[in-house]
Amino acid sequence: MRKYVIMGVPGSGKSSQASWLARDLDLVHISVGDIFRWNVQQHTKMGADVRRIMAGGELVGDDLAEKVTAQRLAEHDWNYGFIVDGFPRNARQAEFFLESYDIDAVIHLDLPDAEVRRRVLARRLCSGCGLDYNLIEGRPRVEGKCDVCGGTLVTREDDTEEALVVRLRDYHEKTDPVLAIFARKEYVLHIDATKDKDEVQQAIREALGLPASKPDPSAQP
């Protein structure tokens, strides 16, 4: 059983890299951001709270992230392991996580803030099926339309200049201490996330001692 945590600034490619690993290794990908977005799209009570928080230019609280992660892990459907994306988000959660789960490695995708801004402001989300696009690397065949379902591509509510400044400040203030806690246990693998996503995936595999990756099935044709 493999248990990983993947961390990185917004736009570093956590979700796509984690999904790729999960597909190849039969891991459960637990993405806090995806859980929040699903609730928003399904108009749940949690979704309404998340939408209101994001509309105000604020960040979803650490307590709610902790709650949804604990609920997801409690389902125990991760027979071959999991990869958690978007948690832990503060030092207390990191200490608890280390006590509760035998983590094999923390994958840290290292990306300069200037590159974060360029990538994040180019992100789009299908309003129909939720597929992620980045206009730098993979533009849709028809401008503004999803290649899979034909849905309209929209900018995420939290992908604005103002929100990005807040998220980066919050990330460095809270996550740098989390990385320090993990590093004391020698869990952290620092990966250069400025490279092409295939190279990043290969670097992750090499650092973890895993076989070379299969082609990414989500890659644009």
N, C-alpha and C. Protein backbone atom coordinates (compact mmCIF):
# COMPACT_ATOMS: atom_id res chain seq x y z
N MET A 1 0.85 -1.20 0.00
CA MET A 1 0.00 0.00 0.00
C MET A 1 0.88 1.24 0.00
N ARG A 2 0.52 2.20 -0.86
CA ARG A 2 1.27 3.45 -0.95
C ARG A 2 0.41 4.61 -0.48
N LYS A 3 1.01 5.48 0.34
CA LYS A 3 0.27 6.64 0.84
C LYS A 3 1.13 7.88 0.65
N TYR A 4 0.63 8.78 -0.22
CA TYR A 4 1.39 9.98 -0.57
C TYR A 4 0.58 11.24 -0.29
N VAL A 5 1.31 12.32 -0.06
CA VAL A 5 0.73 13.66 -0.02
C VAL A 5 1.41 14.44 -1.12
N ILE A 6 0.65 15.22 -1.89
CA ILE A 6 1.25 16.07 -2.92
C ILE A 6 0.93 17.52 -2.57
N MET A 7 1.96 18.37 -2.62
CA MET A 7 1.81 19.76 -2.22
C MET A 7 2.44 20.67 -3.27
N GLY A 8 1.97 21.89 -3.33
CA GLY A 8 2.51 22.87 -4.26
C GLY A 8 1.60 24.07 -4.35
N VAL A 9 2.15 25.17 -4.83
CA VAL A 9 1.37 26.40 -4.96
C VAL A 9 0.26 26.22 -5.99
N PRO A 10 -0.77 27.09 -5.98
CA PRO A 10 -1.81 27.01 -7.01
C PRO A 10 -1.17 27.08 -8.41
N GLY A 11 -1.61 26.20 -9.30
CA GLY A 11 -1.08 26.20 -10.66
C GLY A 11 0.15 25.35 -10.86
N SER A 12 0.60 24.65 -9.81
CA SER A 12 1.81 23.83 -9.94
C SER A 12 1.54 22.48 -10.58
N GLY A 13 0.26 22.15 -10.78
CA GLY A 13 -0.08 20.89 -11.44
C GLY A 13 -0.36 19.75 -10.50
N LYS A 14 -0.68 20.06 -9.24
CA LYS A 14 -0.91 18.99 -8.25
C LYS A 14 -1.98 18.01 -8.70
N SER A 15 -3.12 18.54 -9.14
CA SER A 15 -4.25 17.67 -9.47
C SER A 15 -3.93 16.73 -10.62
N SER A 16 -3.35 17.27 -11.71
CA SER A 16 -3.08 16.42 -12.88
C SER A 16 -1.99 15.40 -12.57
N GLN A 17 -0.96 15.79 -11.83
CA GLN A 17 0.10 14.84 -11.49
C GLN A 17 -0.40 13.77 -10.54
N ALA A 18 -1.23 14.17 -9.57
CA ALA A 18 -1.79 13.20 -8.63
C ALA A 18 -2.72 12.23 -9.33
N SER A 19 -3.56 12.75 -10.24
CA SER A 19 -4.49 11.89 -10.98
C SER A 19 -3.74 10.86 -11.82
N TRP A 20 -2.65 11.29 -12.43
CA TRP A 20 -1.83 10.40 -13.27
C TRP A 20 -1.25 9.26 -12.44
N LEU A 21 -0.68 9.62 -11.28
CA LEU A 21 -0.14 8.60 -10.39
C LEU A 21 -1.24 7.64 -9.93
N ALA A 22 -2.39 8.21 -9.56
CA ALA A 22 -3.49 7.40 -9.05
C ALA A 22 -3.97 6.39 -10.09
N ARG A 23 -4.08 6.82 -11.35
CA ARG A 23 -4.52 5.91 -12.42
C ARG A 23 -3.56 4.74 -12.59
N ASP A 24 -2.27 5.03 -12.61
CA ASP A 24 -1.28 3.98 -12.87
C ASP A 24 -1.12 3.03 -11.69
N LEU A 25 -1.28 3.54 -10.47
CA LEU A 25 -0.97 2.75 -9.28
C LEU A 25 -2.21 2.27 -8.54
N ASP A 26 -3.40 2.52 -9.12
CA ASP A 26 -4.67 2.13 -8.47
C ASP A 26 -4.83 2.78 -7.09
N LEU A 27 -4.40 4.04 -7.00
CA LEU A 27 -4.56 4.79 -5.76
C LEU A 27 -5.85 5.59 -5.80
N VAL A 28 -6.37 5.93 -4.64
CA VAL A 28 -7.51 6.85 -4.55
C VAL A 28 -6.94 8.27 -4.47
N HIS A 29 -7.37 9.12 -5.40
CA HIS A 29 -6.93 10.52 -5.40
C HIS A 29 -7.94 11.32 -4.60
N ILE A 30 -7.50 11.87 -3.48
CA ILE A 30 -8.37 12.66 -2.61
C ILE A 30 -7.99 14.12 -2.77
N SER A 31 -8.78 14.86 -3.54
CA SER A 31 -8.52 16.27 -3.82
C SER A 31 -9.52 17.12 -3.07
N VAL A 32 -9.04 17.90 -2.11
CA VAL A 32 -9.92 18.78 -1.35
C VAL A 32 -10.60 19.78 -2.28
N GLY A 33 -9.84 20.34 -3.22
CA GLY A 33 -10.42 21.30 -4.16
C GLY A 33 -11.52 20.71 -5.00
N ASP A 34 -11.31 19.46 -5.48
CA ASP A 34 -12.35 18.80 -6.28
C ASP A 34 -13.61 18.54 -5.46
N ILE A 35 -13.44 18.18 -4.19
CA ILE A 35 -14.59 17.95 -3.33
C ILE A 35 -15.40 19.24 -3.17
N PHE A 36 -14.70 20.35 -2.96
CA PHE A 36 -15.39 21.64 -2.83
C PHE A 36 -16.10 22.00 -4.14
N ARG A 37 -15.40 21.82 -5.28
CA ARG A 37 -16.01 22.19 -6.56
C ARG A 37 -17.23 21.32 -6.88
N TRP A 38 -17.16 20.03 -6.54
CA TRP A 38 -18.32 19.16 -6.75
C TRP A 38 -19.51 19.66 -5.96
N ASN A 39 -19.29 20.05 -4.72
CA ASN A 39 -20.38 20.55 -3.89
C ASN A 39 -20.96 21.86 -4.44
N VAL A 40 -20.11 22.70 -4.99
CA VAL A 40 -20.60 23.94 -5.61
C VAL A 40 -21.48 23.60 -6.81
N GLN A 41 -21.00 22.69 -7.67
CA GLN A 41 -21.74 22.33 -8.88
C GLN A 41 -23.06 21.63 -8.56
N GLN A 42 -23.09 20.89 -7.44
CA GLN A 42 -24.31 20.16 -7.06
C GLN A 42 -25.23 20.99 -6.17
N HIS A 43 -24.82 22.23 -5.89
CA HIS A 43 -25.65 23.16 -5.11
C HIS A 43 -26.00 22.61 -3.72
N THR A 44 -25.00 21.96 -3.09
CA THR A 44 -25.22 21.47 -1.73
C THR A 44 -25.07 22.63 -0.74
N LYS A 45 -25.41 22.35 0.51
CA LYS A 45 -25.26 23.38 1.55
C LYS A 45 -23.79 23.77 1.68
N MET A 46 -22.91 22.77 1.68
CA MET A 46 -21.48 23.07 1.73
C MET A 46 -21.07 23.89 0.51
N GLY A 47 -21.61 23.53 -0.66
CA GLY A 47 -21.29 24.25 -1.88
C GLY A 47 -21.69 25.71 -1.80
N ALA A 48 -22.84 25.98 -1.21
CA ALA A 48 -23.30 27.36 -1.05
C ALA A 48 -22.35 28.14 -0.15
N ASP A 49 -21.88 27.49 0.91
CA ASP A 49 -20.94 28.14 1.82
C ASP A 49 -19.61 28.43 1.11
N VAL A 50 -19.13 27.45 0.35
CA VAL A 50 -17.86 27.60 -0.37
C VAL A 50 -17.98 28.71 -1.41
N ARG A 51 -19.09 28.74 -2.17
CA ARG A 51 -19.28 29.77 -3.18
C ARG A 51 -19.29 31.16 -2.55
N ARG A 52 -19.96 31.28 -1.41
CA ARG A 52 -20.03 32.58 -0.73
C ARG A 52 -18.64 33.02 -0.26
N ILE A 53 -17.85 32.08 0.24
CA ILE A 53 -16.50 32.40 0.71
C ILE A 53 -15.63 32.86 -0.46
N MET A 54 -15.68 32.11 -1.57
CA MET A 54 -14.86 32.45 -2.73
C MET A 54 -15.29 33.77 -3.36
N ALA A 55 -16.60 34.01 -3.40
CA ALA A 55 -17.11 35.25 -3.99
C ALA A 55 -16.63 36.46 -3.21
N GLY A 56 -16.36 36.26 -1.91
CA GLY A 56 -15.87 37.35 -1.09
C GLY A 56 -14.36 37.50 -1.15
N GLY A 57 -13.70 36.72 -2.03
CA GLY A 57 -12.26 36.81 -2.19
C GLY A 57 -11.49 36.18 -1.04
N GLU A 58 -12.17 35.33 -0.25
CA GLU A 58 -11.52 34.69 0.89
C GLU A 58 -11.19 33.23 0.57
N LEU A 59 -10.48 32.60 1.49
CA LEU A 59 -10.11 31.20 1.32
C LEU A 59 -10.98 30.30 2.19
N VAL A 60 -11.28 29.12 1.68
CA VAL A 60 -12.04 28.16 2.47
C VAL A 60 -11.22 27.78 3.70
N GLY A 61 -11.85 27.78 4.86
CA GLY A 61 -11.15 27.56 6.12
C GLY A 61 -10.49 26.21 6.25
N ASP A 62 -9.43 26.17 7.05
CA ASP A 62 -8.69 24.92 7.26
C ASP A 62 -9.56 23.86 7.93
N ASP A 63 -10.46 24.29 8.82
CA ASP A 63 -11.30 23.32 9.53
C ASP A 63 -12.19 22.55 8.57
N LEU A 64 -12.74 23.25 7.56
CA LEU A 64 -13.60 22.57 6.59
C LEU A 64 -12.78 21.62 5.72
N ALA A 65 -11.57 22.04 5.35
CA ALA A 65 -10.69 21.15 4.58
C ALA A 65 -10.36 19.90 5.38
N GLU A 66 -10.13 20.07 6.66
CA GLU A 66 -9.85 18.93 7.53
C GLU A 66 -11.05 18.00 7.62
N LYS A 67 -12.23 18.59 7.73
CA LYS A 67 -13.45 17.79 7.86
C LYS A 67 -13.69 16.93 6.62
N VAL A 68 -13.60 17.53 5.42
CA VAL A 68 -13.90 16.76 4.21
C VAL A 68 -12.83 15.71 3.95
N THR A 69 -11.58 16.00 4.31
CA THR A 69 -10.52 15.01 4.12
C THR A 69 -10.72 13.81 5.06
N ALA A 70 -11.05 14.11 6.32
CA ALA A 70 -11.29 13.03 7.29
C ALA A 70 -12.46 12.16 6.86
N GLN A 71 -13.53 12.80 6.36
CA GLN A 71 -14.69 12.03 5.91
C GLN A 71 -14.33 11.13 4.73
N ARG A 72 -13.53 11.66 3.81
CA ARG A 72 -13.16 10.87 2.62
C ARG A 72 -12.25 9.71 2.99
N LEU A 73 -11.28 9.95 3.86
CA LEU A 73 -10.38 8.87 4.27
C LEU A 73 -11.11 7.80 5.08
N ALA A 74 -12.17 8.22 5.79
CA ALA A 74 -12.93 7.28 6.62
C ALA A 74 -13.72 6.27 5.79
N GLU A 75 -13.85 6.52 4.47
CA GLU A 75 -14.56 5.57 3.61
C GLU A 75 -13.76 4.29 3.40
N HIS A 76 -12.43 4.38 3.60
CA HIS A 76 -11.55 3.20 3.54
C HIS A 76 -11.73 2.38 2.26
N ASP A 77 -11.85 3.07 1.14
CA ASP A 77 -11.93 2.36 -0.14
C ASP A 77 -10.57 2.37 -0.85
N TRP A 78 -9.54 2.80 -0.14
CA TRP A 78 -8.21 2.91 -0.74
C TRP A 78 -7.39 1.65 -0.47
N ASN A 79 -7.79 0.57 -1.14
CA ASN A 79 -7.15 -0.73 -0.92
C ASN A 79 -5.66 -0.74 -1.25
N TYR A 80 -5.28 0.02 -2.28
CA TYR A 80 -3.88 0.06 -2.68
C TYR A 80 -3.18 1.34 -2.23
N GLY A 81 -3.92 2.21 -1.54
CA GLY A 81 -3.33 3.43 -1.04
C GLY A 81 -4.03 4.67 -1.55
N PHE A 82 -3.47 5.82 -1.23
CA PHE A 82 -4.09 7.09 -1.63
C PHE A 82 -3.02 8.14 -1.90
N ILE A 83 -3.44 9.19 -2.58
CA ILE A 83 -2.62 10.38 -2.74
C ILE A 83 -3.52 11.57 -2.42
N VAL A 84 -3.14 12.33 -1.40
CA VAL A 84 -3.95 13.44 -0.91
C VAL A 84 -3.42 14.75 -1.47
N ASP A 85 -4.32 15.55 -2.01
CA ASP A 85 -4.00 16.80 -2.68
C ASP A 85 -4.81 17.92 -2.01
N GLY A 86 -4.10 18.89 -1.40
CA GLY A 86 -4.79 20.01 -0.77
C GLY A 86 -4.91 19.89 0.74
N PHE A 87 -4.21 18.96 1.33
CA PHE A 87 -4.25 18.73 2.77
C PHE A 87 -3.00 17.95 3.15
N PRO A 88 -2.39 18.22 4.33
CA PRO A 88 -2.78 19.16 5.38
C PRO A 88 -2.44 20.61 5.02
N ARG A 89 -3.12 21.55 5.72
CA ARG A 89 -2.97 22.96 5.40
C ARG A 89 -2.39 23.80 6.52
N ASN A 90 -2.09 23.18 7.64
CA ASN A 90 -1.40 23.92 8.71
C ASN A 90 -0.60 22.93 9.55
N ALA A 91 0.21 23.46 10.46
CA ALA A 91 1.13 22.63 11.23
C ALA A 91 0.39 21.61 12.10
N ARG A 92 -0.71 22.03 12.72
CA ARG A 92 -1.46 21.11 13.58
C ARG A 92 -1.98 19.92 12.78
N GLN A 93 -2.53 20.20 11.59
CA GLN A 93 -3.03 19.13 10.75
C GLN A 93 -1.91 18.20 10.30
N ALA A 94 -0.74 18.77 10.02
CA ALA A 94 0.40 17.96 9.58
C ALA A 94 0.83 16.99 10.68
N GLU A 95 0.90 17.48 11.91
CA GLU A 95 1.28 16.62 13.04
C GLU A 95 0.26 15.50 13.21
N PHE A 96 -1.03 15.85 13.13
CA PHE A 96 -2.08 14.84 13.26
C PHE A 96 -2.00 13.81 12.14
N PHE A 97 -1.76 14.28 10.93
CA PHE A 97 -1.70 13.40 9.77
C PHE A 97 -0.58 12.39 9.92
N LEU A 98 0.57 12.85 10.40
CA LEU A 98 1.71 11.95 10.59
C LEU A 98 1.43 10.90 11.66
N GLU A 99 0.67 11.30 12.68
CA GLU A 99 0.34 10.36 13.75
C GLU A 99 -0.69 9.32 13.30
N SER A 100 -1.57 9.73 12.39
CA SER A 100 -2.70 8.87 12.01
C SER A 100 -2.42 7.95 10.83
N TYR A 101 -1.51 8.37 9.94
CA TYR A 101 -1.27 7.61 8.71
C TYR A 101 0.23 7.44 8.50
N ASP A 102 0.60 6.27 8.02
CA ASP A 102 2.00 5.97 7.76
C ASP A 102 2.34 6.46 6.35
N ILE A 103 2.66 7.74 6.23
CA ILE A 103 2.90 8.36 4.93
C ILE A 103 4.24 7.88 4.36
N ASP A 104 4.22 7.52 3.07
CA ASP A 104 5.44 7.06 2.41
C ASP A 104 6.28 8.22 1.89
N ALA A 105 5.62 9.27 1.39
CA ALA A 105 6.38 10.40 0.86
C ALA A 105 5.47 11.61 0.69
N VAL A 106 6.08 12.78 0.76
CA VAL A 106 5.40 14.04 0.44
C VAL A 106 6.05 14.58 -0.83
N ILE A 107 5.26 14.74 -1.87
CA ILE A 107 5.76 15.23 -3.16
C ILE A 107 5.51 16.74 -3.21
N HIS A 108 6.58 17.51 -3.23
CA HIS A 108 6.45 18.97 -3.26
C HIS A 108 6.79 19.47 -4.65
N LEU A 109 5.79 20.01 -5.36
CA LEU A 109 5.99 20.58 -6.69
C LEU A 109 6.44 22.03 -6.53
N ASP A 110 7.68 22.29 -6.84
CA ASP A 110 8.29 23.60 -6.60
C ASP A 110 8.13 24.49 -7.84
N LEU A 111 7.47 25.64 -7.65
CA LEU A 111 7.19 26.54 -8.77
C LEU A 111 7.28 27.99 -8.30
N PRO A 112 8.06 28.84 -9.01
CA PRO A 112 8.17 30.25 -8.61
C PRO A 112 6.82 30.97 -8.73
N ASP A 113 6.60 31.97 -7.88
CA ASP A 113 5.33 32.68 -7.86
C ASP A 113 5.00 33.34 -9.21
N ALA A 114 6.02 33.83 -9.92
CA ALA A 114 5.78 34.48 -11.21
C ALA A 114 5.18 33.50 -12.22
N GLU A 115 5.67 32.27 -12.20
CA GLU A 115 5.13 31.24 -13.09
C GLU A 115 3.75 30.81 -12.64
N VAL A 116 3.52 30.82 -11.33
CA VAL A 116 2.19 30.51 -10.81
C VAL A 116 1.16 31.46 -11.41
N ARG A 117 1.46 32.76 -11.37
CA ARG A 117 0.52 33.77 -11.88
C ARG A 117 0.22 33.52 -13.35
N ARG A 118 1.25 33.24 -14.15
CA ARG A 118 1.05 33.01 -15.59
C ARG A 118 0.14 31.81 -15.83
N ARG A 119 0.35 30.74 -15.09
CA ARG A 119 -0.43 29.52 -15.30
C ARG A 119 -1.86 29.64 -14.78
N VAL A 120 -2.00 30.19 -13.57
CA VAL A 120 -3.32 30.24 -12.95
C VAL A 120 -4.29 31.10 -13.77
N LEU A 121 -3.82 32.24 -14.26
CA LEU A 121 -4.70 33.13 -15.01
C LEU A 121 -5.06 32.57 -16.38
N ALA A 122 -4.40 31.47 -16.78
CA ALA A 122 -4.73 30.81 -18.06
C ALA A 122 -5.60 29.58 -17.86
N ARG A 123 -6.00 29.29 -16.61
CA ARG A 123 -6.81 28.10 -16.36
C ARG A 123 -8.27 28.34 -16.70
N ARG A 124 -8.91 27.28 -17.22
CA ARG A 124 -10.33 27.32 -17.49
C ARG A 124 -10.94 26.00 -17.01
N LEU A 125 -12.24 26.05 -16.71
CA LEU A 125 -12.95 24.88 -16.21
C LEU A 125 -14.22 24.70 -17.02
N CYS A 126 -14.49 23.45 -17.45
CA CYS A 126 -15.73 23.20 -18.18
C CYS A 126 -16.91 23.29 -17.22
N SER A 127 -17.89 24.12 -17.57
CA SER A 127 -19.07 24.29 -16.71
C SER A 127 -19.98 23.08 -16.78
N GLY A 128 -19.74 22.20 -17.76
CA GLY A 128 -20.56 21.00 -17.90
C GLY A 128 -20.01 19.81 -17.16
N CYS A 129 -18.82 19.32 -17.58
CA CYS A 129 -18.27 18.09 -17.01
C CYS A 129 -17.16 18.33 -15.99
N GLY A 130 -16.72 19.58 -15.86
CA GLY A 130 -15.71 19.90 -14.86
C GLY A 130 -14.28 19.65 -15.29
N LEU A 131 -14.05 19.32 -16.58
CA LEU A 131 -12.68 19.06 -17.05
C LEU A 131 -11.85 20.34 -16.99
N ASP A 132 -10.59 20.19 -16.55
CA ASP A 132 -9.67 21.33 -16.45
C ASP A 132 -8.96 21.56 -17.78
N TYR A 133 -8.77 22.84 -18.12
CA TYR A 133 -7.97 23.23 -19.27
C TYR A 133 -6.95 24.27 -18.84
N ASN A 134 -5.83 24.32 -19.55
CA ASN A 134 -4.89 25.42 -19.38
C ASN A 134 -4.58 25.94 -20.78
N LEU A 135 -4.89 27.20 -21.02
CA LEU A 135 -4.78 27.76 -22.37
C LEU A 135 -3.34 27.89 -22.83
N ILE A 136 -2.38 27.71 -21.93
CA ILE A 136 -0.97 27.75 -22.32
C ILE A 136 -0.57 26.43 -22.95
N GLU A 137 -0.99 25.32 -22.33
CA GLU A 137 -0.54 23.99 -22.77
C GLU A 137 -1.54 23.25 -23.65
N GLY A 138 -2.83 23.46 -23.42
CA GLY A 138 -3.82 22.65 -24.13
C GLY A 138 -5.10 23.40 -24.43
N ARG A 139 -5.09 24.19 -25.49
CA ARG A 139 -6.29 24.93 -25.86
C ARG A 139 -7.33 23.97 -26.44
N PRO A 140 -8.62 24.24 -26.22
CA PRO A 140 -9.66 23.38 -26.80
C PRO A 140 -9.70 23.52 -28.32
N ARG A 141 -10.25 22.51 -28.98
CA ARG A 141 -10.32 22.56 -30.45
C ARG A 141 -11.21 23.72 -30.91
N VAL A 142 -12.30 23.97 -30.17
CA VAL A 142 -13.18 25.11 -30.46
C VAL A 142 -13.05 26.09 -29.30
N GLU A 143 -12.71 27.32 -29.64
CA GLU A 143 -12.47 28.33 -28.60
C GLU A 143 -13.64 28.43 -27.62
N GLY A 144 -13.33 28.28 -26.34
CA GLY A 144 -14.33 28.46 -25.30
C GLY A 144 -15.26 27.27 -25.08
N LYS A 145 -15.01 26.14 -25.82
CA LYS A 145 -15.89 24.98 -25.69
C LYS A 145 -15.08 23.74 -25.27
N CYS A 146 -15.68 22.92 -24.42
CA CYS A 146 -15.02 21.70 -23.97
C CYS A 146 -14.96 20.67 -25.09
N ASP A 147 -13.81 20.03 -25.27
CA ASP A 147 -13.65 19.01 -26.31
C ASP A 147 -14.47 17.77 -26.01
N VAL A 148 -14.77 17.51 -24.73
CA VAL A 148 -15.45 16.28 -24.34
C VAL A 148 -16.97 16.40 -24.42
N CYS A 149 -17.52 17.44 -23.76
CA CYS A 149 -18.99 17.53 -23.69
C CYS A 149 -19.56 18.77 -24.39
N GLY A 150 -18.70 19.65 -24.88
CA GLY A 150 -19.19 20.85 -25.56
C GLY A 150 -19.62 21.96 -24.63
N GLY A 151 -19.41 21.76 -23.32
CA GLY A 151 -19.79 22.77 -22.34
C GLY A 151 -18.95 24.03 -22.46
N THR A 152 -19.44 25.12 -21.91
CA THR A 152 -18.74 26.40 -21.95
C THR A 152 -17.58 26.40 -20.95
N LEU A 153 -16.41 26.87 -21.39
CA LEU A 153 -15.27 26.98 -20.50
C LEU A 153 -15.34 28.31 -19.75
N VAL A 154 -15.16 28.23 -18.45
CA VAL A 154 -15.26 29.42 -17.61
C VAL A 154 -14.01 29.54 -16.74
N THR A 155 -13.78 30.75 -16.25
CA THR A 155 -12.70 30.98 -15.30
C THR A 155 -13.20 30.61 -13.91
N ARG A 156 -12.37 29.91 -13.15
CA ARG A 156 -12.76 29.59 -11.78
C ARG A 156 -12.97 30.89 -10.99
N GLU A 157 -13.91 30.82 -10.06
CA GLU A 157 -14.24 32.01 -9.30
C GLU A 157 -13.06 32.53 -8.50
N ASP A 158 -12.15 31.64 -8.12
CA ASP A 158 -11.01 32.08 -7.31
C ASP A 158 -9.75 32.31 -8.13
N ASP A 159 -9.84 32.27 -9.48
CA ASP A 159 -8.69 32.52 -10.33
C ASP A 159 -8.69 33.97 -10.81
N THR A 160 -8.52 34.89 -9.88
CA THR A 160 -8.42 36.31 -10.19
C THR A 160 -7.11 36.83 -9.61
N GLU A 161 -6.66 37.99 -10.11
CA GLU A 161 -5.42 38.59 -9.61
C GLU A 161 -5.49 38.78 -8.10
N GLU A 162 -6.64 39.32 -7.63
CA GLU A 162 -6.77 39.63 -6.21
C GLU A 162 -6.75 38.36 -5.36
N ALA A 163 -7.53 37.35 -5.80
CA ALA A 163 -7.60 36.10 -5.05
C ALA A 163 -6.25 35.37 -5.05
N LEU A 164 -5.52 35.48 -6.17
CA LEU A 164 -4.24 34.78 -6.27
C LEU A 164 -3.23 35.35 -5.27
N VAL A 165 -3.23 36.67 -5.11
CA VAL A 165 -2.33 37.30 -4.13
C VAL A 165 -2.60 36.75 -2.74
N VAL A 166 -3.89 36.64 -2.39
CA VAL A 166 -4.27 36.13 -1.07
C VAL A 166 -3.87 34.67 -0.93
N ARG A 167 -4.12 33.87 -1.98
CA ARG A 167 -3.83 32.43 -1.90
C ARG A 167 -2.33 32.17 -1.79
N LEU A 168 -1.52 32.93 -2.52
CA LEU A 168 -0.07 32.74 -2.43
C LEU A 168 0.46 33.12 -1.05
N ARG A 169 -0.04 34.24 -0.53
CA ARG A 169 0.39 34.65 0.80
C ARG A 169 -0.01 33.60 1.84
N ASP A 170 -1.25 33.12 1.73
CA ASP A 170 -1.75 32.11 2.65
C ASP A 170 -0.95 30.81 2.51
N TYR A 171 -0.65 30.45 1.28
CA TYR A 171 0.10 29.22 1.03
C TYR A 171 1.46 29.27 1.73
N HIS A 172 2.21 30.34 1.49
CA HIS A 172 3.56 30.42 2.06
C HIS A 172 3.53 30.52 3.58
N GLU A 173 2.57 31.26 4.12
CA GLU A 173 2.50 31.42 5.57
C GLU A 173 2.16 30.11 6.27
N LYS A 174 1.26 29.32 5.67
CA LYS A 174 0.80 28.09 6.32
C LYS A 174 1.52 26.83 5.87
N THR A 175 1.84 26.78 4.57
CA THR A 175 2.35 25.53 4.03
C THR A 175 3.85 25.37 4.21
N ASP A 176 4.60 26.46 4.22
CA ASP A 176 6.03 26.34 4.44
C ASP A 176 6.32 25.66 5.78
N PRO A 177 5.62 26.02 6.88
CA PRO A 177 5.83 25.28 8.14
C PRO A 177 5.42 23.81 8.05
N VAL A 178 4.38 23.51 7.25
CA VAL A 178 3.96 22.11 7.06
C VAL A 178 5.08 21.32 6.39
N LEU A 179 5.67 21.90 5.34
CA LEU A 179 6.79 21.24 4.65
C LEU A 179 7.96 21.03 5.60
N ALA A 180 8.19 22.00 6.49
CA ALA A 180 9.29 21.87 7.44
C ALA A 180 9.05 20.70 8.39
N ILE A 181 7.80 20.51 8.82
CA ILE A 181 7.46 19.39 9.70
C ILE A 181 7.70 18.06 8.98
N PHE A 182 7.23 17.96 7.75
CA PHE A 182 7.43 16.74 6.98
C PHE A 182 8.92 16.50 6.72
N ALA A 183 9.66 17.59 6.44
CA ALA A 183 11.08 17.45 6.12
C ALA A 183 11.87 16.90 7.30
N ARG A 184 11.45 17.21 8.52
CA ARG A 184 12.13 16.67 9.70
C ARG A 184 12.03 15.15 9.75
N LYS A 185 10.98 14.62 9.10
CA LYS A 185 10.79 13.16 9.04
C LYS A 185 11.42 12.57 7.77
N GLU A 186 12.05 13.44 6.97
CA GLU A 186 12.69 13.04 5.71
C GLU A 186 11.70 12.48 4.70
N TYR A 187 10.51 13.04 4.69
CA TYR A 187 9.48 12.58 3.77
C TYR A 187 9.44 13.36 2.46
N VAL A 188 10.00 14.55 2.40
CA VAL A 188 9.73 15.48 1.31
C VAL A 188 10.64 15.25 0.11
N LEU A 189 10.01 15.13 -1.06
CA LEU A 189 10.72 15.06 -2.34
C LEU A 189 10.43 16.35 -3.10
N HIS A 190 11.44 17.15 -3.34
CA HIS A 190 11.25 18.42 -4.05
C HIS A 190 11.40 18.19 -5.55
N ILE A 191 10.34 18.53 -6.30
CA ILE A 191 10.30 18.30 -7.75
C ILE A 191 10.19 19.64 -8.47
N ASP A 192 11.02 19.85 -9.48
CA ASP A 192 10.98 21.08 -10.28
C ASP A 192 9.73 21.05 -11.15
N ALA A 193 8.74 21.90 -10.83
CA ALA A 193 7.47 21.88 -11.56
C ALA A 193 7.43 22.86 -12.72
N THR A 194 8.57 23.48 -13.06
CA THR A 194 8.60 24.39 -14.21
C THR A 194 8.68 23.63 -15.53
N LYS A 195 9.01 22.36 -15.47
CA LYS A 195 9.20 21.57 -16.68
C LYS A 195 7.86 21.11 -17.27
N ASP A 196 7.92 20.52 -18.45
CA ASP A 196 6.75 19.93 -19.10
C ASP A 196 6.14 18.89 -18.16
N LYS A 197 4.80 18.74 -18.22
CA LYS A 197 4.13 17.85 -17.26
C LYS A 197 4.60 16.40 -17.37
N ASP A 198 4.99 15.95 -18.58
CA ASP A 198 5.51 14.59 -18.72
C ASP A 198 6.84 14.44 -17.98
N GLU A 199 7.69 15.48 -18.07
CA GLU A 199 8.97 15.45 -17.38
C GLU A 199 8.78 15.49 -15.88
N VAL A 200 7.79 16.27 -15.42
CA VAL A 200 7.51 16.35 -13.99
C VAL A 200 7.06 15.00 -13.47
N GLN A 201 6.17 14.33 -14.22
CA GLN A 201 5.70 13.01 -13.80
C GLN A 201 6.86 12.02 -13.74
N GLN A 202 7.74 12.08 -14.74
CA GLN A 202 8.87 11.16 -14.75
C GLN A 202 9.80 11.43 -13.57
N ALA A 203 10.00 12.71 -13.24
CA ALA A 203 10.85 13.07 -12.10
C ALA A 203 10.25 12.55 -10.79
N ILE A 204 8.93 12.62 -10.68
CA ILE A 204 8.25 12.08 -9.49
C ILE A 204 8.48 10.59 -9.40
N ARG A 205 8.31 9.88 -10.53
CA ARG A 205 8.48 8.42 -10.55
C ARG A 205 9.90 8.04 -10.13
N GLU A 206 10.88 8.77 -10.67
CA GLU A 206 12.27 8.46 -10.35
C GLU A 206 12.55 8.70 -8.87
N ALA A 207 12.02 9.80 -8.33
CA ALA A 207 12.24 10.12 -6.92
C ALA A 207 11.60 9.09 -6.00
N LEU A 208 10.47 8.51 -6.43
CA LEU A 208 9.76 7.51 -5.63
C LEU A 208 10.25 6.09 -5.90
N GLY A 209 11.13 5.93 -6.89
CA GLY A 209 11.60 4.60 -7.24
C GLY A 209 10.55 3.76 -7.93
N LEU A 210 9.69 4.43 -8.72
CA LEU A 210 8.61 3.74 -9.41
C LEU A 210 8.96 3.52 -10.88
N PRO A 211 8.30 2.57 -11.56
CA PRO A 211 8.51 2.37 -12.99
C PRO A 211 8.10 3.61 -13.78
N ALA A 212 8.62 3.73 -14.98
CA ALA A 212 8.28 4.85 -15.86
C ALA A 212 6.78 4.89 -16.08
N SER A 213 6.26 6.10 -16.30
CA SER A 213 4.82 6.28 -16.42
C SER A 213 4.29 5.81 -17.76
N LYS A 214 3.02 5.44 -17.74
CA LYS A 214 2.30 5.17 -18.98
C LYS A 214 1.88 6.51 -19.58
N PRO A 215 1.54 6.54 -20.88
CA PRO A 215 1.08 7.81 -21.47
C PRO A 215 -0.11 8.37 -20.69
N ASP A 216 -0.15 9.68 -20.55
CA ASP A 216 -1.23 10.34 -19.82
C ASP A 216 -2.50 10.27 -20.65
N PRO A 217 -3.53 9.54 -20.21
CA PRO A 217 -4.77 9.41 -21.00
C PRO A 217 -5.56 10.70 -21.07
N SER A 218 -5.24 11.66 -20.22
CA SER A 218 -5.99 12.92 -20.26
C SER A 218 -5.36 13.94 -21.20
N ALA A 219 -4.21 13.57 -21.83
CA ALA A 219 -3.53 14.51 -22.70
C ALA A 219 -4.39 14.86 -23.91
N GLN A 220 -4.29 16.10 -24.32
CA GLN A 220 -5.07 16.56 -25.48
C GLN A 220 -4.50 15.94 -26.75
N PRO A 221 -5.33 15.53 -27.71
CA PRO A 221 -4.82 14.92 -28.95
C PRO A 221 -4.16 15.96 -29.83
